[in-house]
Every structure is written in structure tokens, then in C-alpha cells.
N, C-alpha and C. Protein backbone atom coordinates (compact mmCIF):
# COMPACT_ATOMS: atom_id res chain seq x y z
N MET A 1 0.59 -1.11 -0.02
CA MET A 1 -0.02 -0.02 0.09
C MET A 1 0.77 1.15 0.06
N THR A 2 0.63 1.89 -0.79
CA THR A 2 1.25 3.62 -0.94
C THR A 2 0.88 4.53 0.06
N THR A 3 1.65 5.30 0.30
CA THR A 3 1.16 6.41 1.15
C THR A 3 0.24 7.13 0.66
N PRO A 4 -0.74 7.53 1.55
CA PRO A 4 -2.13 8.03 1.16
C PRO A 4 -1.63 9.85 0.43
N ARG A 5 -2.07 10.24 -0.40
CA ARG A 5 -1.59 11.46 -1.60
C ARG A 5 -2.17 12.47 -0.69
N THR A 6 -1.62 13.87 -0.05
CA THR A 6 -1.97 14.63 -0.06
C THR A 6 -3.13 15.17 -0.82
N ARG A 7 -4.08 16.23 -0.51
CA ARG A 7 -4.86 17.33 -1.65
C ARG A 7 -4.98 18.61 -1.35
N THR A 8 -4.26 19.00 -1.80
CA THR A 8 -3.88 20.54 -1.40
C THR A 8 -4.77 21.56 -2.34
N PRO A 9 -5.80 22.17 -2.01
CA PRO A 9 -6.94 23.27 -2.07
C PRO A 9 -6.14 24.15 -3.21
N ASP A 10 -6.82 24.82 -3.80
CA ASP A 10 -6.53 25.84 -4.47
C ASP A 10 -5.98 26.84 -3.37
N ARG A 11 -5.05 27.84 -3.77
CA ARG A 11 -5.30 28.80 -2.65
C ARG A 11 -5.43 30.58 -3.45
N VAL A 12 -6.09 31.00 -2.82
CA VAL A 12 -6.73 32.55 -3.79
C VAL A 12 -5.70 33.63 -2.70
N THR A 13 -5.29 34.90 -3.50
CA THR A 13 -5.05 35.96 -2.70
C THR A 13 -5.24 36.89 -3.53
N LEU A 14 -4.86 38.12 -3.10
CA LEU A 14 -5.05 39.06 -3.50
C LEU A 14 -3.91 39.96 -3.71
N GLY A 15 -3.13 40.13 -4.95
CA GLY A 15 -1.82 40.79 -5.31
C GLY A 15 -1.73 42.49 -4.90
N ASP A 16 -0.59 42.83 -5.01
CA ASP A 16 -0.44 43.66 -4.41
C ASP A 16 -1.09 44.97 -5.19
N ASP A 17 -1.33 44.63 -6.77
CA ASP A 17 -1.92 45.57 -7.39
C ASP A 17 -3.54 44.96 -7.65
N GLY A 18 -3.98 44.75 -6.49
CA GLY A 18 -5.68 44.56 -6.69
C GLY A 18 -5.96 43.10 -7.29
N ARG A 19 -5.39 42.69 -8.07
CA ARG A 19 -5.51 41.46 -8.98
C ARG A 19 -6.10 39.95 -8.19
N THR A 20 -6.60 39.43 -8.48
CA THR A 20 -6.93 38.22 -7.46
C THR A 20 -5.68 37.08 -8.35
N ILE A 21 -5.01 36.18 -7.26
CA ILE A 21 -3.87 35.57 -7.62
C ILE A 21 -4.49 33.67 -6.98
N THR A 22 -4.73 32.89 -7.94
CA THR A 22 -4.70 31.58 -7.61
C THR A 22 -3.31 30.60 -7.68
N THR A 23 -3.26 30.20 -6.84
CA THR A 23 -2.09 28.99 -6.66
C THR A 23 -2.64 27.73 -6.42
N ILE A 24 -2.35 26.98 -7.56
CA ILE A 24 -2.80 25.53 -7.68
C ILE A 24 -1.78 24.80 -7.15
N LYS A 25 -1.74 23.53 -6.91
CA LYS A 25 -0.96 21.73 -6.82
C LYS A 25 -1.44 20.94 -7.93
N LEU A 26 -0.94 20.78 -8.86
CA LEU A 26 -0.82 19.79 -9.62
C LEU A 26 -1.40 18.77 -9.26
N GLN A 27 -2.33 18.01 -9.60
CA GLN A 27 -3.31 16.91 -9.26
C GLN A 27 -3.04 15.88 -10.27
N ARG A 28 -2.87 14.22 -9.68
CA ARG A 28 -2.41 13.11 -10.28
C ARG A 28 -3.88 12.47 -10.60
N ALA A 29 -3.58 12.09 -11.94
CA ALA A 29 -5.08 11.60 -12.23
C ALA A 29 -4.59 10.04 -12.06
N CYS A 30 -5.86 9.22 -11.99
CA CYS A 30 -5.75 7.87 -12.49
C CYS A 30 -5.41 7.27 -13.68
N SER A 31 -4.74 6.61 -14.32
CA SER A 31 -3.90 6.06 -15.50
C SER A 31 -4.86 5.28 -15.81
N GLY A 32 -6.07 5.10 -15.25
CA GLY A 32 -6.81 4.13 -15.97
C GLY A 32 -8.33 4.92 -16.11
N CYS A 33 -9.19 5.28 -15.25
CA CYS A 33 -10.53 5.80 -15.53
C CYS A 33 -9.87 7.31 -15.44
N GLY A 34 -9.02 8.14 -14.93
CA GLY A 34 -8.52 9.69 -14.79
C GLY A 34 -9.49 10.31 -13.76
N THR A 35 -9.70 9.53 -12.86
CA THR A 35 -10.13 10.03 -11.04
C THR A 35 -9.20 10.54 -10.72
N LEU A 36 -9.38 11.96 -10.21
CA LEU A 36 -8.12 12.98 -9.29
C LEU A 36 -7.87 11.93 -8.09
N LEU A 37 -6.64 11.81 -8.09
CA LEU A 37 -6.11 11.01 -6.65
C LEU A 37 -5.82 11.55 -5.43
N GLY A 38 -4.95 12.84 -5.82
CA GLY A 38 -4.53 13.82 -4.88
C GLY A 38 -3.52 14.50 -5.66
N ASP A 39 -2.46 15.57 -4.84
CA ASP A 39 -1.14 16.06 -5.48
C ASP A 39 -0.22 15.00 -5.88
N LEU A 40 0.28 15.86 -7.26
CA LEU A 40 1.56 14.88 -7.74
C LEU A 40 2.64 14.91 -6.85
N ASP A 41 3.37 14.22 -6.89
CA ASP A 41 4.52 13.89 -6.25
C ASP A 41 5.68 13.56 -7.19
N GLY A 42 6.87 13.16 -6.38
CA GLY A 42 8.24 12.70 -7.34
C GLY A 42 7.75 11.27 -7.40
N ARG A 43 6.75 10.67 -6.63
CA ARG A 43 6.93 8.98 -7.02
C ARG A 43 5.75 8.79 -8.01
N ASP A 44 5.27 9.74 -9.57
CA ASP A 44 4.55 9.74 -10.40
C ASP A 44 5.46 9.62 -11.53
N THR A 45 6.63 9.85 -11.13
CA THR A 45 7.55 9.75 -12.57
C THR A 45 8.85 8.67 -12.17
N ASP A 46 9.20 8.19 -13.57
CA ASP A 46 10.23 7.00 -13.49
C ASP A 46 11.30 7.62 -13.44
N GLU A 47 12.69 6.91 -13.88
CA GLU A 47 13.80 7.79 -13.89
C GLU A 47 13.74 8.70 -15.58
N ARG A 48 13.21 8.29 -15.86
CA ARG A 48 13.51 8.62 -17.48
C ARG A 48 12.37 10.07 -17.36
N GLY A 49 11.05 10.51 -16.33
CA GLY A 49 10.14 11.15 -16.24
C GLY A 49 9.12 11.43 -16.78
N ASN A 50 8.64 9.62 -17.11
CA ASN A 50 7.52 9.65 -17.99
C ASN A 50 6.63 9.24 -16.46
N LEU A 51 5.33 9.44 -16.54
CA LEU A 51 4.15 9.05 -15.82
C LEU A 51 4.39 8.00 -15.67
N ILE A 52 4.32 7.39 -14.18
CA ILE A 52 3.76 5.66 -14.25
C ILE A 52 2.16 5.56 -14.39
N ASP A 53 1.92 4.22 -13.74
CA ASP A 53 0.99 3.92 -13.83
C ASP A 53 -0.10 3.88 -12.34
N VAL A 54 -1.01 4.67 -12.34
CA VAL A 54 -1.34 4.30 -10.50
C VAL A 54 -2.34 4.29 -10.41
N ARG A 55 -2.89 3.61 -11.30
CA ARG A 55 -4.08 2.29 -11.14
C ARG A 55 -4.39 1.97 -10.24
N ALA A 56 -3.60 1.18 -9.03
CA ALA A 56 -3.93 0.30 -8.08
C ALA A 56 -4.06 1.33 -7.07
N GLU A 57 -3.80 3.02 -7.11
CA GLU A 57 -4.23 4.17 -5.86
C GLU A 57 -5.56 4.17 -5.94
N CYS A 58 -6.36 3.80 -7.43
CA CYS A 58 -7.68 4.54 -7.25
C CYS A 58 -8.69 3.44 -6.92
N PRO A 59 -9.77 4.05 -6.30
CA PRO A 59 -10.47 2.98 -5.68
C PRO A 59 -11.85 2.05 -6.85
N HIS A 60 -11.46 2.73 -7.74
CA HIS A 60 -12.35 2.23 -9.08
C HIS A 60 -11.57 0.87 -10.21
N CYS A 61 -10.41 1.67 -10.00
CA CYS A 61 -9.75 0.64 -11.34
C CYS A 61 -8.63 -0.15 -10.22
N ARG A 62 -8.52 -0.24 -8.83
CA ARG A 62 -7.86 -0.95 -8.11
C ARG A 62 -8.26 -2.43 -8.21
N PRO A 63 -9.45 -3.14 -8.34
CA PRO A 63 -9.98 -4.35 -8.65
C PRO A 63 -9.35 -4.84 -9.71
N LEU A 64 -9.25 -4.34 -10.90
CA LEU A 64 -8.77 -4.15 -12.36
C LEU A 64 -7.27 -4.98 -12.10
N VAL A 65 -6.44 -3.82 -11.42
CA VAL A 65 -5.15 -3.98 -11.02
C VAL A 65 -4.78 -5.31 -10.28
N GLU A 66 -5.76 -5.63 -9.46
CA GLU A 66 -5.71 -6.72 -8.58
C GLU A 66 -5.98 -8.14 -9.42
N ALA A 67 -6.42 -8.13 -10.32
CA ALA A 67 -7.27 -9.06 -10.96
C ALA A 67 -5.93 -9.43 -12.25
N GLU A 68 -5.72 -8.48 -12.59
CA GLU A 68 -4.32 -8.56 -13.26
C GLU A 68 -3.11 -8.85 -13.19
N ALA A 69 -2.56 -8.77 -11.97
CA ALA A 69 -1.90 -9.64 -10.59
C ALA A 69 -2.28 -11.05 -10.37
N ALA A 70 -3.27 -11.53 -10.67
CA ALA A 70 -3.60 -12.80 -10.21
C ALA A 70 -3.38 -13.35 -11.43
N GLY A 71 -3.19 -13.12 -12.75
CA GLY A 71 -3.07 -13.51 -13.90
C GLY A 71 -4.24 -13.31 -14.95
N CYS A 72 -4.84 -12.75 -14.66
CA CYS A 72 -6.37 -12.33 -15.49
C CYS A 72 -6.08 -11.63 -16.22
N ARG A 73 -6.39 -11.93 -17.80
CA ARG A 73 -6.35 -11.18 -18.92
C ARG A 73 -6.89 -9.83 -19.02
N THR A 74 -6.60 -8.85 -19.10
CA THR A 74 -7.51 -7.32 -19.10
C THR A 74 -7.60 -6.75 -20.54
N TRP A 75 -7.90 -6.04 -21.42
CA TRP A 75 -8.14 -5.08 -22.45
C TRP A 75 -8.27 -3.85 -22.18
N GLN A 76 -7.57 -2.74 -22.76
CA GLN A 76 -7.80 -1.70 -22.84
C GLN A 76 -9.04 -1.12 -23.70
N LEU A 77 -9.93 -1.05 -23.59
CA LEU A 77 -11.33 -0.80 -24.64
C LEU A 77 -11.09 0.68 -25.13
N THR A 78 -10.79 1.47 -24.21
CA THR A 78 -10.53 2.98 -25.18
C THR A 78 -9.11 3.52 -24.75
N PRO A 79 -8.34 3.25 -25.87
CA PRO A 79 -7.03 3.90 -25.27
C PRO A 79 -6.87 5.50 -25.30
N ARG A 80 -6.30 5.49 -24.47
CA ARG A 80 -6.00 7.32 -23.72
C ARG A 80 -4.34 7.45 -23.40
N SER A 81 -4.49 8.96 -23.97
CA SER A 81 -3.26 9.78 -23.74
C SER A 81 -3.24 11.02 -23.85
N LEU A 82 -2.83 12.03 -23.18
CA LEU A 82 -2.84 13.27 -23.15
C LEU A 82 -2.91 13.74 -24.31
N ALA A 83 -1.96 13.63 -25.15
CA ALA A 83 -2.14 14.16 -26.37
C ALA A 83 -3.74 13.93 -27.36
N ARG A 84 -4.04 12.71 -27.19
CA ARG A 84 -5.32 12.46 -27.48
C ARG A 84 -7.02 13.23 -27.40
N VAL A 85 -6.69 12.97 -25.76
CA VAL A 85 -7.48 14.29 -24.94
C VAL A 85 -7.97 15.34 -25.38
N GLU A 86 -6.39 16.21 -25.13
CA GLU A 86 -6.62 17.35 -25.73
C GLU A 86 -7.01 17.34 -27.01
N HIS A 87 -6.29 16.50 -28.17
CA HIS A 87 -6.82 17.06 -29.03
C HIS A 87 -8.21 16.96 -29.43
N GLU A 88 -8.98 16.15 -28.75
CA GLU A 88 -10.62 16.09 -28.73
C GLU A 88 -10.98 17.32 -28.12
N ILE A 89 -10.44 17.85 -27.19
CA ILE A 89 -10.73 19.33 -26.60
C ILE A 89 -10.57 20.25 -27.63
N ASP A 90 -9.03 20.21 -28.09
CA ASP A 90 -9.50 21.26 -28.58
C ASP A 90 -8.51 20.97 -30.08
N PRO A 91 -8.44 20.35 -31.10
CA PRO A 91 -7.77 20.44 -32.28
C PRO A 91 -6.68 20.88 -32.39
N HIS A 92 -6.61 22.49 -32.16
CA HIS A 92 -5.72 23.39 -32.81
C HIS A 92 -4.45 23.25 -31.60
N ALA A 93 -4.56 22.60 -29.85
CA ALA A 93 -3.81 22.64 -29.17
C ALA A 93 -2.71 21.97 -29.60
N ALA A 94 -1.67 22.25 -28.73
CA ALA A 94 -0.45 21.53 -28.39
C ALA A 94 0.18 21.42 -27.11
N VAL A 95 0.19 20.06 -26.79
CA VAL A 95 0.25 19.54 -25.53
C VAL A 95 1.92 19.13 -25.00
N ASP A 96 2.87 19.80 -24.09
CA ASP A 96 3.91 19.52 -23.76
C ASP A 96 3.92 19.53 -22.01
N VAL A 97 4.43 17.67 -22.13
CA VAL A 97 4.06 17.54 -20.53
C VAL A 97 5.86 17.43 -20.50
N HIS A 98 6.01 17.73 -19.42
CA HIS A 98 7.57 17.42 -19.09
C HIS A 98 7.95 17.23 -17.68
N GLN A 99 8.48 16.51 -16.84
CA GLN A 99 8.29 15.71 -15.35
C GLN A 99 7.07 15.89 -14.94
N GLY A 100 6.03 15.78 -15.33
CA GLY A 100 4.84 16.06 -14.70
C GLY A 100 3.90 17.09 -14.82
N LEU A 101 4.36 17.84 -15.42
CA LEU A 101 4.05 19.41 -15.27
C LEU A 101 3.44 19.61 -16.95
N LEU A 102 2.36 19.80 -16.60
CA LEU A 102 0.81 20.17 -17.69
C LEU A 102 1.47 21.24 -18.40
N ALA A 103 1.52 21.93 -19.15
CA ALA A 103 1.43 23.53 -19.91
C ALA A 103 0.78 22.97 -21.47
N ALA A 104 -0.25 23.09 -22.03
CA ALA A 104 -1.11 23.58 -22.75
C ALA A 104 -1.01 25.53 -23.51
N HIS A 105 -0.19 24.97 -24.64
CA HIS A 105 -0.04 25.91 -25.46
C HIS A 105 -0.75 25.95 -26.68
N ARG A 106 -1.22 27.19 -26.48
CA ARG A 106 -2.32 27.84 -27.62
C ARG A 106 -1.72 28.13 -29.20
N ARG A 107 -1.70 27.64 -30.05
CA ARG A 107 -0.87 28.04 -31.14
C ARG A 107 -1.48 29.36 -31.75
């Protein structure tokens, strides 16, 4: 069992110039269903900076992971990737994922 994740709430402050400033902590989503699991942290990337599979932390996907570990064969019915999801939302956007940080740049 992994250590439970923290869930840092957004922090809204007022800047010196009167503007509202919202500070967020990037959230980690399940690799299988997309459920938000908590704050992104160092355990979420491998030695090359790629996001790892965290389905075992998800209450919805954990039974599937346990079945796979027991030898059951499973199939991914809907292929998922950040680039594909971003394209479905906005076909004109480009996605840059580096070391677990997400930045969407509009063309």
C-alpha cells in the first residue's frame, strides 16, 4: 500500500495591484479512469520523467489491477493519452508534458 496522497486546495490571494492570484497544486489522475487521486509528487515519474501507472491507488481501478496481478487478462477498451484527450478537446492545441508538469500552449 502506498502512502496516501495529500490534496492541497487552491489558494486564492489578492496581489499588491488588486488582482486575484490563484495558486494551484497539480493533481494526479488515475492512469485508467482519470479520477483525481491527489497532489502530483515525486513518486509519479520514472527515472526518465515519464508518468507511471497509478491505477492501484484508484478505488475504481484497483480491482482490475488486482485481477491482472492474479493472472487475468484485461483489455483496454478506450486508448487514452494526454495528447489524444487534448486533441479531442481542442484540435488546435499542442500539449507539452515534461517531468509531470502540464502546459497547454495555444497556437
